[in-house]
Protein backbone atom coordinates (compact mmCIF):
# COMPACT_ATOMS: atom_id res chain seq x y z
CA MET A 1 0.00 0.08 -0.01
CA LEU A 2 2.90 2.40 0.78
CA ALA A 3 4.41 1.82 -2.65
CA VAL A 4 0.81 2.44 -4.27
CA PHE A 5 0.58 5.63 -2.25
CA LEU A 6 4.11 6.97 -3.17
CA ARG A 7 3.33 6.19 -6.92
CA ALA A 8 0.24 8.20 -6.74
CA LEU A 9 1.87 11.17 -4.76
CA LEU A 10 4.66 11.25 -7.23
CA GLY A 11 2.15 11.26 -10.19
CA SER A 12 0.38 14.16 -8.63
CA LEU A 13 3.53 16.16 -8.03
CA PHE A 14 4.47 15.67 -11.78
CA PHE A 15 1.08 16.90 -12.78
CA VAL A 16 2.10 20.49 -12.82
CA PHE A 17 3.97 19.65 -15.98
CA LEU A 18 0.87 18.02 -17.41
CA SER A 19 -1.49 20.94 -18.04
CA GLY A 20 -3.86 20.29 -21.04
CA PRO A 21 -7.50 19.31 -21.66
CA ILE A 22 -7.85 17.24 -18.38
CA GLN A 23 -8.88 19.41 -15.44
CA ALA A 24 -8.87 18.55 -11.95
CA GLN A 25 -11.93 16.67 -10.73
CA THR A 26 -13.14 15.01 -7.55
CA PRO A 27 -11.95 11.39 -7.64
CA LEU A 28 -14.63 8.64 -8.34
CA SER A 29 -16.09 6.82 -5.36
CA GLU A 30 -15.59 3.11 -5.27
CA ALA A 31 -19.04 2.56 -6.35
CA ASP A 32 -18.65 5.06 -9.18
CA LEU A 33 -15.28 3.36 -10.19
CA SER A 34 -16.80 -0.03 -10.20
CA ALA A 35 -19.66 0.98 -12.43
CA PHE A 36 -17.14 2.87 -14.83
CA TYR A 37 -15.18 -0.40 -15.10
CA ASP A 38 -18.16 -2.52 -15.85
CA GLN A 39 -18.96 -0.40 -18.91
CA LEU A 40 -15.43 -0.66 -20.39
CA ASN A 41 -14.83 -2.43 -23.73
CA ALA A 42 -13.08 -5.80 -23.19
CA TYR A 43 -11.63 -8.34 -25.52
CA ARG A 44 -9.06 -11.06 -25.58
CA THR A 45 -6.16 -11.44 -27.91
CA GLU A 46 -3.21 -13.92 -28.15
CA ARG A 47 -0.76 -10.83 -27.78
CA TYR A 48 -1.51 -7.26 -27.62
CA GLN A 49 -0.52 -5.14 -30.85
CA PRO A 50 -0.79 -1.37 -30.68
CA LEU A 51 -2.73 0.45 -33.25
CA PRO A 52 -0.46 1.60 -36.22
CA ASP A 53 -2.17 4.85 -36.99
CA LEU A 54 -2.14 6.43 -33.46
CA GLU A 55 0.76 7.60 -31.50
CA ALA A 56 1.03 5.13 -28.48
CA ILE A 57 2.88 5.69 -25.17
CA ARG A 58 3.33 2.86 -22.91
CA LEU A 59 2.99 3.04 -19.13
CA PRO A 60 4.30 -0.16 -17.46
CA SER A 61 2.13 -1.14 -14.43
CA THR A 62 4.81 0.16 -12.18
CA PHE A 63 4.72 3.77 -13.84
CA SER A 64 6.24 6.74 -12.16
CA GLY A 65 5.59 10.53 -12.42
CA ALA A 66 8.49 10.41 -14.94
CA ASP A 67 6.36 8.16 -17.30
CA LEU A 68 3.36 10.47 -16.82
CA GLN A 69 5.54 13.49 -17.74
CA ALA A 70 6.47 11.80 -20.93
CA LEU A 71 2.92 12.00 -22.29
CA HIS A 72 3.68 15.68 -22.85
CA LEU A 73 -0.02 16.81 -22.27
CA ARG A 74 0.76 20.33 -22.80
CA GLU A 75 1.07 19.67 -26.65
CA ARG A 76 -1.09 16.64 -26.71
CA HIS A 77 -4.42 15.12 -25.44
CA ILE A 78 -5.40 11.61 -24.85
CA VAL A 79 -7.49 9.75 -27.36
CA ARG A 80 -7.66 6.30 -25.98
CA VAL A 81 -6.43 4.23 -22.94
CA ASP A 82 -5.91 0.43 -23.21
CA LEU A 83 -5.31 -1.63 -19.78
CA VAL A 84 -3.39 -4.60 -21.02
CA TYR A 85 -2.65 -7.79 -18.92
CA THR A 86 -2.32 -11.49 -19.39
CA ALA A 87 -5.05 -14.22 -18.72
CA PHE A 88 -2.56 -16.55 -17.00
CA ARG A 89 -3.00 -17.07 -13.20
CA LEU A 90 -0.42 -18.73 -10.95
CA ASN A 91 -2.93 -18.49 -8.19
CA PRO A 92 -6.53 -19.61 -9.03
CA THR A 93 -7.88 -17.23 -6.36
CA PHE A 94 -6.13 -14.29 -7.94
CA ASP A 95 -8.47 -11.34 -8.54
CA GLN A 96 -7.68 -9.52 -11.87
CA ARG A 97 -10.67 -7.20 -11.39
CA GLN A 98 -9.43 -5.77 -8.10
CA LEU A 99 -5.85 -5.33 -9.52
CA ASN A 100 -7.18 -3.79 -12.73
CA LEU A 101 -9.35 -1.20 -10.52
CA SER A 102 -6.34 -0.40 -8.49
CA ARG A 103 -4.24 0.31 -11.54
CA ILE A 104 -6.96 2.61 -13.05
CA ARG A 105 -7.29 4.41 -9.74
CA ASN A 106 -3.45 5.05 -9.70
CA LEU A 107 -3.46 6.36 -13.04
CA ALA A 108 -6.41 8.69 -12.22
CA ALA A 109 -4.41 9.98 -9.28
CA GLY A 110 -1.55 11.16 -11.50
CA LEU A 111 -3.89 12.49 -14.21
CA PRO A 112 -6.86 14.09 -12.38
CA GLY A 113 -9.99 14.37 -14.42
CA LEU A 114 -8.95 11.48 -16.50
CA LEU A 115 -12.05 9.37 -15.81
CA GLN A 116 -14.41 11.98 -16.29
CA ASP A 117 -13.19 12.83 -19.63
CA GLU A 118 -16.14 11.40 -21.88
CA SER A 119 -14.09 11.80 -25.19
CA ILE A 120 -11.59 9.05 -24.09
CA THR A 121 -12.21 5.49 -25.11
CA TRP A 122 -11.11 2.79 -22.52
CA THR A 123 -10.46 -0.77 -23.29
CA LEU A 124 -9.47 -3.88 -21.20
CA VAL A 125 -7.21 -6.32 -23.32
CA GLU A 126 -6.57 -9.72 -21.90
CA GLN A 127 -3.58 -11.49 -23.53
CA THR A 128 -4.00 -15.36 -23.77
CA GLY A 129 -0.65 -16.22 -25.50
CA CYS A 130 1.41 -17.40 -22.39
CA ASN A 131 0.95 -20.20 -19.74
CA SER A 132 3.68 -19.82 -17.42
CA PRO A 133 5.57 -16.88 -15.61
CA ALA A 134 8.49 -17.36 -17.77
CA GLU A 135 6.35 -17.31 -21.03
CA CYS A 136 4.32 -14.28 -19.71
CA GLN A 137 7.32 -12.23 -18.72
CA PRO A 138 8.04 -10.71 -22.13
CA PHE A 139 4.29 -9.75 -22.47
CA PHE A 140 3.44 -6.19 -21.86
CA HIS A 141 1.49 -5.43 -18.54
CA GLY A 142 0.18 -1.83 -18.03
CA PHE A 143 -1.47 0.96 -19.93
CA VAL A 144 -1.06 1.82 -23.57
CA VAL A 145 -2.00 5.54 -23.87
CA TYR A 146 -2.88 6.89 -27.29
CA VAL A 147 -2.36 10.56 -27.85
CA ALA A 148 -2.89 13.09 -30.64
CA ARG A 149 -1.25 16.54 -31.05
CA HIS A 150 -3.24 19.64 -30.46
CA ALA A 151 -4.20 21.52 -33.53
CA THR A 152 -2.58 24.86 -33.74
CA ALA A 153 -2.64 27.64 -36.11
CA ALA A 154 0.80 26.51 -37.50
CA THR A 155 -0.34 22.87 -37.90
CA SER A 156 -3.55 24.04 -39.73
CA ARG A 157 -1.36 26.25 -42.16
CA ALA A 158 0.88 23.11 -42.89
CA ASP A 159 -2.35 21.02 -43.57
CA LEU A 160 -3.76 23.75 -45.66
CA ASP A 161 -0.49 23.89 -47.66
CA SER A 162 -0.37 20.17 -48.30
CA LEU A 163 -3.99 20.13 -49.21
CA THR A 164 -3.50 22.79 -51.78
CA ARG A 165 -0.49 20.86 -53.31
CA LYS A 166 -2.56 17.54 -53.40
CA LEU A 167 -5.53 19.25 -55.05
CA ARG A 168 -3.18 20.83 -57.63
CA LEU A 169 -1.60 17.60 -58.15
CA LEU A 170 -5.05 15.98 -58.77
CA ASP A 171 -6.08 18.86 -61.07
CA LYS A 172 -3.15 18.05 -63.28
CA LYS A 173 -3.81 14.39 -63.34
CA LEU A 174 -7.55 14.83 -64.10
CA ALA A 175 -6.59 17.18 -67.03
CA LYS A 176 -4.45 14.43 -68.41
CA LYS A 177 -7.19 11.79 -67.83
CA LYS A 178 -9.82 14.07 -69.66
CA ALA A 179 -7.53 14.52 -72.69
CA ALA A 180 -6.94 10.69 -72.72
CA ARG A 181 -10.64 9.75 -72.23
CA LYS A 182 -11.51 9.31 -75.89
CA LYS A 183 -8.86 6.63 -76.09
CA GLN A 184 -10.35 3.19 -75.13
CA GLY A 185 -7.10 1.90 -73.96
CA LYS A 186 -5.40 -1.56 -74.36
CA LYS A 187 -7.56 -4.67 -73.73
CA VAL A 188 -5.87 -6.88 -71.13
CA ALA A 189 -6.61 -10.23 -69.84
CA CYS A 190 -9.18 -10.35 -66.87
CA ASN A 191 -10.64 -13.33 -64.90
CA LEU A 192 -12.97 -13.35 -61.96
CA PRO A 193 -11.62 -14.97 -58.93
CA PHE A 194 -11.94 -18.89 -59.08
CA THR A 195 -13.78 -20.67 -56.09
CA GLN A 196 -12.39 -24.11 -54.81
CA ALA A 197 -15.89 -25.71 -55.33
CA SER A 198 -18.97 -25.03 -57.08
CA THR A 199 -21.67 -23.02 -55.55
CA ARG A 200 -23.86 -26.08 -54.87
CA GLN A 201 -20.91 -27.82 -53.05
CA MET A 202 -20.24 -24.54 -50.99
CA ALA A 203 -23.86 -24.46 -49.94
CA ARG A 204 -23.85 -28.15 -48.81
CA HIS A 205 -20.67 -27.40 -46.72
CA LEU A 206 -22.44 -24.53 -45.14
CA ARG A 207 -25.42 -26.55 -44.17
CA ARG A 208 -23.07 -28.91 -42.40
CA ALA A 209 -21.00 -26.12 -40.75
CA TYR A 210 -23.87 -23.86 -39.48
CA ARG A 211 -25.94 -25.46 -36.61
CA CYS A 212 -27.81 -22.46 -34.97
CA PRO A 213 -31.40 -22.12 -34.95
CA GLN A 214 -32.71 -20.55 -38.20
CA ARG A 215 -35.87 -18.61 -38.67
CA ILE A 216 -37.94 -18.97 -41.87
CA GLY A 217 -37.61 -16.60 -44.68
CA GLN A 218 -34.34 -14.76 -44.00
CA ILE A 219 -31.90 -13.42 -46.62
CA ILE A 220 -28.67 -12.64 -44.89
CA ARG A 221 -26.27 -10.67 -46.86
CA PHE A 222 -22.59 -10.86 -46.33
CA GLU A 223 -19.10 -9.54 -47.53
CA MET A 224 -15.71 -11.02 -47.60
CA SER A 225 -12.26 -9.69 -47.89
CA VAL A 226 -9.92 -11.95 -49.84
CA ASP A 227 -6.17 -11.37 -50.46
CA GLU A 228 -4.50 -11.69 -53.76
CA HIS A 229 -3.83 -15.49 -53.31
CA GLY A 230 -7.41 -16.22 -52.51
CA LYS A 231 -7.14 -16.53 -48.83
CA THR A 232 -10.04 -15.12 -46.89
CA ARG A 233 -9.11 -12.15 -44.53
CA GLN A 234 -12.44 -11.33 -43.18
CA VAL A 235 -16.03 -12.28 -43.26
CA ARG A 236 -18.73 -9.70 -42.19
CA VAL A 237 -22.37 -10.56 -41.96
CA GLN A 238 -24.60 -7.38 -42.22
CA PRO A 239 -26.41 -6.51 -39.07
CA ASN A 240 -29.68 -8.25 -38.70
CA SER A 241 -31.51 -8.34 -35.32
CA LYS A 242 -33.33 -11.57 -36.29
CA LEU A 243 -29.95 -13.60 -36.96
CA THR A 244 -29.50 -15.73 -33.94
CA CYS A 245 -25.78 -16.63 -34.28
CA PRO A 246 -23.86 -13.96 -36.48
CA ALA A 247 -20.39 -14.91 -35.25
CA GLU A 248 -21.19 -18.63 -36.05
CA LEU A 249 -22.65 -17.88 -39.47
CA GLU A 250 -19.52 -15.77 -40.30
CA GLU A 251 -17.29 -18.55 -39.35
CA ALA A 252 -19.37 -21.15 -41.41
CA ILE A 253 -19.16 -18.84 -44.34
CA ARG A 254 -15.34 -18.58 -43.76
CA GLN A 255 -15.16 -22.34 -43.86
CA SER A 256 -17.34 -22.86 -46.86
CA VAL A 257 -16.75 -19.97 -49.42
CA LEU A 258 -13.25 -20.76 -50.44
CA PHE A 259 -11.27 -19.09 -53.24
CA ALA A 260 -8.46 -20.60 -55.22
CA SER A 261 -6.92 -17.23 -56.74
CA GLY A 262 -7.10 -13.68 -56.37
CA PHE A 263 -8.65 -11.25 -59.09
CA TYR A 264 -6.62 -11.90 -62.21
CA ILE A 265 -5.87 -8.81 -64.34
CA HIS A 266 -3.02 -8.38 -66.78
CA ARG A 267 -0.75 -11.05 -65.54
CA ARG A 268 -1.16 -10.03 -61.78
CA GLN A 269 -3.51 -11.10 -58.99
CA PHE A 270 -5.08 -8.50 -56.76
CA PRO A 271 -6.99 -8.76 -53.42
CA PHE A 272 -10.90 -8.15 -53.71
CA GLU A 273 -14.17 -7.84 -51.93
CA VAL A 274 -16.92 -10.10 -52.63
CA LYS A 275 -20.48 -9.91 -51.57
CA GLY A 276 -23.06 -12.82 -51.27
CA ALA A 277 -26.15 -13.74 -49.67
CA VAL A 278 -27.45 -16.85 -47.61
CA ARG A 279 -30.97 -17.95 -47.45
CA LEU A 280 -32.21 -19.09 -44.12
CA PRO A 281 -33.10 -21.81 -43.10
CA LEU A 282 -30.48 -23.86 -44.85
CA GLY A 283 -32.14 -26.92 -46.14
CA PRO A 284 -31.11 -30.22 -48.13
CA PHE A 285 -33.31 -29.06 -51.02
CA GLN A 286 -33.22 -25.80 -52.85
CA LEU A 287 -36.34 -23.86 -52.76
CA LEU A 288 -37.91 -23.43 -56.33
CA GLY A 289 -34.44 -23.97 -57.79
CA ARG A 290 -32.86 -21.14 -55.83
CA PRO A 291 -29.72 -22.04 -53.93
CA ASP A 292 -29.07 -21.43 -50.26
CA LEU A 293 -25.83 -19.60 -51.11
CA ALA A 294 -25.17 -16.89 -53.82
CA ILE A 295 -22.18 -14.86 -54.77
CA THR A 296 -23.62 -11.48 -56.13
CA ASP A 297 -20.87 -9.19 -56.68
CA PHE A 298 -17.02 -8.62 -56.81
CA SER A 299 -15.27 -5.17 -56.31
CA LEU A 300 -11.49 -4.07 -56.41
CA SER A 301 -9.78 -1.49 -54.42
CA ASP A 302 -9.84 2.11 -55.62
CA SER A 303 -6.08 2.10 -56.63
CA VAL A 304 -6.69 -1.09 -58.93
CA ALA A 305 -9.88 0.43 -60.20
CA ARG A 306 -8.03 3.49 -61.34
CA LEU A 307 -5.29 1.69 -62.95
CA TYR A 308 -7.68 -0.64 -65.01
CA ARG A 309 -11.06 -0.14 -66.38
CA VAL A 310 -12.70 -3.28 -65.28
CA PHE A 311 -16.35 -4.21 -66.38
CA LEU A 312 -18.22 -7.09 -64.83
CA LYS A 313 -20.56 -8.58 -67.43
CA LYS A 314 -23.10 -11.64 -67.90
CA LYS A 315 -23.36 -13.72 -70.94
CA GLY A 316 -26.27 -16.24 -70.32
CA LYS A 317 -25.74 -17.79 -66.82
CA ARG A 318 -21.90 -17.11 -67.18
CA ASP A 319 -20.29 -14.11 -65.43
CA TYR A 320 -17.13 -12.74 -66.83
CA CYS A 321 -15.02 -9.51 -66.70
CA GLU A 322 -13.29 -7.25 -69.19
CA ALA A 323 -10.33 -4.90 -68.48
CA ARG A 324 -8.43 -2.21 -70.30
CA ILE A 325 -5.46 -0.16 -69.33
CA THR A 326 -4.87 3.32 -70.56
CA PRO A 327 -2.02 5.93 -69.88
CA ALA A 328 -4.32 7.89 -67.93
CA GLY A 329 -5.12 4.81 -65.69
CA GLU A 330 -1.55 4.38 -65.11
CA LEU A 331 -1.05 8.10 -64.06
CA LEU A 332 -3.97 7.95 -61.70
CA ALA A 333 -2.70 4.77 -59.98
CA ASP A 334 -1.08 6.94 -57.33
CA THR A 335 -2.76 10.27 -56.54
CA THR A 336 -1.23 10.53 -53.16
CA SER A 337 1.50 13.07 -52.30
CA PRO A 338 4.75 11.69 -51.00
CA GLU A 339 4.62 14.04 -48.15
CA LEU A 340 1.69 12.45 -46.49
CA VAL A 341 1.01 8.81 -45.17
CA LEU A 342 -2.67 8.34 -45.50
CA PRO A 343 -4.59 6.14 -43.17
CA PRO A 344 -6.17 2.94 -44.52
CA ASP A 345 -9.85 4.26 -44.83
CA ALA A 346 -8.49 7.78 -46.37
CA ASN A 347 -11.15 7.33 -49.06
CA VAL A 348 -14.09 6.52 -46.82
CA VAL A 349 -16.07 9.56 -47.72
CA ALA A 350 -15.84 8.81 -51.53
CA ARG A 351 -16.64 5.15 -50.91
CA VAL A 352 -19.75 6.14 -48.86
CA MET A 353 -21.07 8.65 -51.20
CA GLN A 354 -20.57 6.40 -54.30
CA ARG A 355 -22.53 3.66 -52.34
CA HIS A 356 -25.33 6.10 -51.79
CA PRO A 357 -26.20 8.09 -54.95
CA GLU A 358 -29.68 8.69 -53.55
CA TRP A 359 -28.08 11.20 -51.05
CA SER A 360 -28.71 14.11 -53.39
CA LYS A 361 -30.31 16.86 -51.25
CA GLU A 362 -28.58 16.33 -47.96
CA VAL A 363 -26.61 18.84 -46.00
CA VAL A 364 -23.08 18.01 -45.48
CA VAL A 365 -21.45 18.99 -42.14
CA THR A 366 -17.85 18.28 -41.81
CA ASP A 367 -14.95 18.84 -39.12
CA VAL A 368 -12.08 20.36 -40.89
CA THR A 369 -9.68 20.42 -37.93
CA GLY A 370 -6.37 18.84 -38.07
CA SER A 371 -7.16 15.27 -37.34
CA MET A 372 -9.49 15.24 -40.23
CA PHE A 373 -7.15 16.45 -42.98
CA PRO A 374 -6.91 13.26 -45.02
CA TYR A 375 -10.74 12.97 -45.08
CA THR A 376 -11.00 16.68 -45.95
CA TYR A 377 -8.92 15.90 -49.08
CA ASP A 378 -11.16 12.91 -49.88
CA LEU A 379 -14.35 15.03 -49.84
CA LEU A 380 -12.87 17.66 -52.26
CA ALA A 381 -11.49 14.89 -54.52
CA TRP A 382 -14.90 13.13 -54.54
CA LEU A 383 -16.61 16.55 -55.46
CA GLN A 384 -14.02 17.26 -58.16
CA LEU A 385 -14.64 13.90 -59.63
CA SER A 386 -18.47 13.78 -59.45
CA ALA A 387 -20.30 16.91 -60.77
CA LEU A 388 -23.03 17.92 -58.52
CA GLU A 389 -26.47 18.00 -60.29
CA ASP A 390 -28.19 20.07 -57.54
CA LYS A 391 -27.12 22.73 -55.12
CA LYS A 392 -26.03 21.33 -51.99
CA THR A 393 -25.32 22.81 -48.64
CA PHE A 394 -22.09 22.39 -46.82
CA VAL A 395 -21.13 23.45 -43.30
CA PHE A 396 -17.57 23.43 -42.36
CA PHE A 397 -16.49 23.82 -38.68
CA ASN A 398 -13.24 24.42 -37.07
CA ASP A 399 -14.17 24.28 -33.26
CA GLY A 400 -14.24 27.81 -32.56
CA ASP A 401 -11.88 29.83 -34.80
CA ASP A 402 -8.82 29.24 -32.74
CA GLN A 403 -10.17 30.65 -29.64
CA PRO A 404 -8.51 29.30 -26.40
CA ASP A 405 -10.13 26.08 -25.07
CA LYS A 406 -10.88 27.51 -21.81
CA THR A 407 -13.17 30.17 -23.24
CA LYS A 408 -15.12 27.38 -25.33
CA HIS A 409 -18.64 26.97 -23.92
CA ILE A 410 -21.10 24.23 -24.89
CA GLY A 411 -23.43 25.52 -27.70
CA LYS A 412 -21.53 28.69 -28.03
CA THR A 413 -18.28 27.74 -29.78
CA GLY A 414 -18.89 28.66 -33.16
CA GLY A 415 -16.44 28.44 -36.15
CA PHE A 416 -19.04 27.76 -38.77
CA TYR A 417 -18.48 28.34 -42.52
CA SER A 418 -21.45 27.52 -44.85
CA VAL A 419 -22.22 27.65 -48.65
CA LYS A 420 -25.04 26.56 -50.76
CA THR A 421 -23.84 25.88 -54.30
CA ASP A 422 -23.31 23.27 -57.01
CA SER A 423 -19.76 24.90 -57.74
CA TYR A 424 -16.75 22.82 -56.69
CA GLU A 425 -14.56 25.97 -56.60
CA ALA A 426 -17.03 27.69 -54.37
CA ILE A 427 -17.05 24.63 -51.87
CA LYS A 428 -13.25 24.49 -51.92
CA ASN A 429 -12.97 28.00 -51.17
CA LYS A 430 -15.24 27.94 -48.34
CA LEU A 431 -13.39 24.94 -46.81
CA VAL A 432 -10.19 26.70 -47.24
CA GLU A 433 -11.45 29.86 -45.53
CA ALA A 434 -12.61 27.56 -42.48
CA MET A 435 -9.17 25.95 -42.23
CA LYS A 436 -7.34 29.26 -42.30
CA ALA A 437 -9.50 30.38 -39.38
CA GLY A 438 -8.68 27.85 -37.04
CA GLY A 439 -7.23 24.46 -36.43
CA GLY A 440 -9.34 22.96 -33.75
CA GLY A 441 -7.20 23.01 -30.51
CA ASP A 442 -7.86 20.31 -28.05
CA ALA A 443 -10.19 17.49 -28.78
CA PRO A 444 -12.99 16.77 -28.83
CA GLU A 445 -14.92 19.25 -31.30
CA ASN A 446 -18.48 20.82 -31.36
CA ASP A 447 -20.02 18.39 -33.79
CA ALA A 448 -23.52 18.73 -32.26
CA GLU A 449 -23.57 22.46 -32.34
CA ALA A 450 -22.48 22.37 -36.01
CA LEU A 451 -25.34 19.89 -36.84
CA LEU A 452 -28.08 22.36 -35.02
CA HIS A 453 -26.46 25.26 -37.05
CA ALA A 454 -26.75 23.32 -40.25
CA GLN A 455 -30.55 22.39 -39.45
CA GLN A 456 -31.34 26.14 -39.05
CA LEU A 457 -30.08 26.56 -42.78
CA THR A 458 -32.54 24.33 -44.23
CA SER A 459 -35.87 22.64 -43.73
CA ASP A 460 -36.40 20.32 -40.90
CA SER A 461 -37.22 17.33 -43.27
CA THR A 462 -33.73 17.67 -44.80
CA ASP A 463 -31.29 14.89 -43.75
CA LEU A 464 -27.73 15.83 -42.54
CA ILE A 465 -24.57 14.04 -43.37
CA LEU A 466 -21.90 14.43 -40.61
CA ILE A 467 -18.38 13.49 -41.53
CA ALA A 468 -16.82 12.81 -38.01
CA ASP A 469 -13.60 11.47 -36.41
CA ASN A 470 -14.24 7.86 -34.90
CA HIS A 471 -11.34 8.44 -32.42
CA THR A 472 -12.81 11.67 -30.91
CA PHE A 473 -16.34 11.81 -29.54
CA PRO A 474 -17.82 15.22 -29.53
CA ARG A 475 -18.03 17.12 -26.33
CA ASP A 476 -21.60 18.58 -26.96
CA THR A 477 -23.91 15.72 -27.81
CA ARG A 478 -26.21 16.89 -24.99
CA LEU A 479 -27.38 19.59 -27.42
CA LEU A 480 -29.12 16.70 -29.52
CA LYS A 481 -31.47 15.89 -26.63
CA ASN A 482 -34.62 17.19 -28.28
CA THR A 483 -33.35 17.08 -32.08
CA THR A 484 -35.71 15.66 -34.63
CA ALA A 485 -33.05 15.67 -37.37
CA HIS A 486 -31.99 12.55 -39.18
CA VAL A 487 -28.34 12.28 -39.27
CA ARG A 488 -26.01 9.93 -41.42
CA ILE A 489 -22.78 9.87 -39.71
CA ILE A 490 -19.69 8.98 -41.97
CA LEU A 491 -17.04 7.69 -39.41
CA CYS A 492 -13.46 8.24 -40.42
CA GLY A 493 -10.71 6.35 -38.69
CA VAL A 494 -12.37 2.95 -38.20
CA HIS A 495 -9.44 0.75 -38.17
CA ASP A 496 -9.79 -1.19 -35.17
CA TYR A 497 -13.48 -0.90 -34.11
CA ILE A 498 -16.34 1.64 -34.12
CA ASN A 499 -16.22 3.89 -31.04
CA PRO A 500 -19.10 2.56 -28.90
CA ARG A 501 -20.24 6.12 -28.08
CA TYR A 502 -21.15 6.76 -31.62
CA LEU A 503 -23.15 3.34 -31.73
CA ALA A 504 -24.93 4.72 -28.56
CA LEU A 505 -25.57 8.04 -30.11
CA ALA A 506 -26.94 6.50 -33.21
CA ARG A 507 -29.26 4.11 -31.21
CA LYS A 508 -30.46 6.94 -28.94
CA HIS A 509 -31.49 9.33 -31.75
CA GLY A 510 -32.16 6.94 -34.55
CA PHE A 511 -29.09 8.12 -36.60
CA SER A 512 -27.31 5.70 -38.98
CA LEU A 513 -23.54 5.05 -39.13
CA HIS A 514 -21.51 4.56 -42.27
CA THR A 515 -17.91 3.10 -42.56
CA ILE A 516 -15.88 2.37 -45.55
CA GLU A 517 -17.17 -1.19 -45.21
CA SER A 518 -20.87 -1.17 -44.15
CA ASP A 519 -23.96 0.92 -43.36
CA LEU A 520 -25.21 0.62 -39.95
CA LEU A 521 -29.18 1.07 -39.85
CA ASP A 522 -32.04 0.63 -37.37
CA LEU A 523 -29.69 0.49 -34.38
CA SER A 524 -32.49 2.08 -32.22
CA LYS A 525 -34.44 -1.24 -32.52
CA LEU A 526 -31.87 -3.16 -30.58
CA LEU A 527 -32.84 -4.01 -27.03
CA GLU A 528 -30.69 -3.92 -23.86
CA GLY A 529 -28.82 -7.23 -23.30
CA GLU A 530 -28.67 -8.07 -27.10
CA THR A 531 -25.32 -8.55 -28.94
CA ILE A 532 -24.58 -7.46 -32.50
CA THR A 533 -21.64 -8.30 -34.71
CA ILE A 534 -20.35 -5.22 -36.69
CA GLN A 535 -17.52 -5.79 -39.12
CA GLY A 536 -16.28 -8.82 -37.23
CA GLN A 537 -16.46 -7.21 -33.66
CA LEU A 538 -18.95 -8.39 -31.17
CA TYR A 539 -20.86 -5.55 -29.19
CA GLN A 540 -23.29 -5.73 -26.33
CA ILE A 541 -26.06 -3.32 -25.70
CA THR A 542 -26.05 -2.01 -22.14
CA ARG A 543 -28.10 0.18 -20.13
CA ASP A 544 -25.76 3.19 -20.95
CA GLY A 545 -24.92 2.13 -24.75
CA PHE A 546 -22.76 -0.23 -26.15
CA LYS A 547 -19.54 -2.10 -25.18
CA LEU A 548 -17.02 -4.16 -27.21
CA VAL A 549 -17.10 -7.78 -25.72
CA ARG A 550 -15.15 -9.61 -28.53
CA LYS A 551 -12.55 -8.40 -31.09
CA THR A 552 -11.15 -10.42 -33.98
């Protein structure tokens, strides 16, 4: 106990160096701390691997004030905290929960206000890859704290310069593509991916592999990610509240739908996405000649699609593809600037917009602070490539025009820049104006205030599209308490799992969520206690929202 007290005291002494978004608060009571703990995301993995796209600081379980000082919270803010430990128990009566609570309490003593900051995502990670003290010794035990740098006027100017250069480069490439558009290009070989068995055989294997109770008359749609060798990377069953065992169905599909190759184009094989459907209940006989299993569509990554013109065609009952390559296609195969490393879902805005051409009259509300720079570019690139047929309203917000964070008040932060037009140049100019006026400061931003501002600019019946940062939950969602707006949230930065707070927000207000992989609708119909599989991760609906309970 003395050692714990000294660590907490030392952490408090070093707190004078840690001034940032976390302010001193009254510590949680034991009951409140226990309730806080019970709502944490928790999953098991063989060995913990830090997220590649965020800056991670490791705090060992015996962290000191010097370790806390290394967080440099004057220049950065905390986005996420993972508490990592091993499942191995030398003593069967060992109480991991109490140890975890003690560690969280110690960390909170060194960083007052940490547990009250609703923008921070917490996760418990139990490692299962060791079975003895010697094996577990190299495994990390402690906190992994993910941080992001505060946006400043200087970082905003740098982002704006980079954005301008990237758009100029895209302009040049599009001009060359337009000049070459009349050329059909050279026809090259193209073969759809080969399956290891016929559809009938795969359906038969699926019936043997899936043993869960099945309701009559269900069509369950699924998506698969497959690598260039034909190996399945991931199976995702679309959310369906009537499906009894989504995880088991995903595993049965993984075992049954097997490919022998990648997507073959021009002497190369590429990774691909495949969509399909399963008819439940699975039976020994096909209903009216319709199979239990069907593969409905193939798609390629944007980079491959830019390089090759690929067309999926049908001749009789046979599906086939045609592909052509043009000089413009080769040129557009790489539209990224070498100065910027883009996140894996950097084109999420374009992908979602392309998936929903019916979204023609919605108002687009987007965060243009530093964390959203790659997605800001994606929005402009999509607008430049797809001519707007109707005038659309855009609201860009920068979280208060660079005013100090201590002067920002819920509902009165401002920093909004709006335009209603069908002109790409007018939209770009207004976005640049918003970026020049402010960089955002500390996270989180004022998304809810921006939504209400956008709603005032149009009719109540108009839907809103919010482009938001998955890693940072807005600080002002209480403003949406009485909103009647329907909001479609495009989540950027969904690389590990969806922030449960966004799931809870969508369920509470009837909003929809959209990622690069899927559309999440009707979350408000889910009941407390139910579980749902989203993009391979299992979530449980709780009294307070959602929590991750299993991670693939």
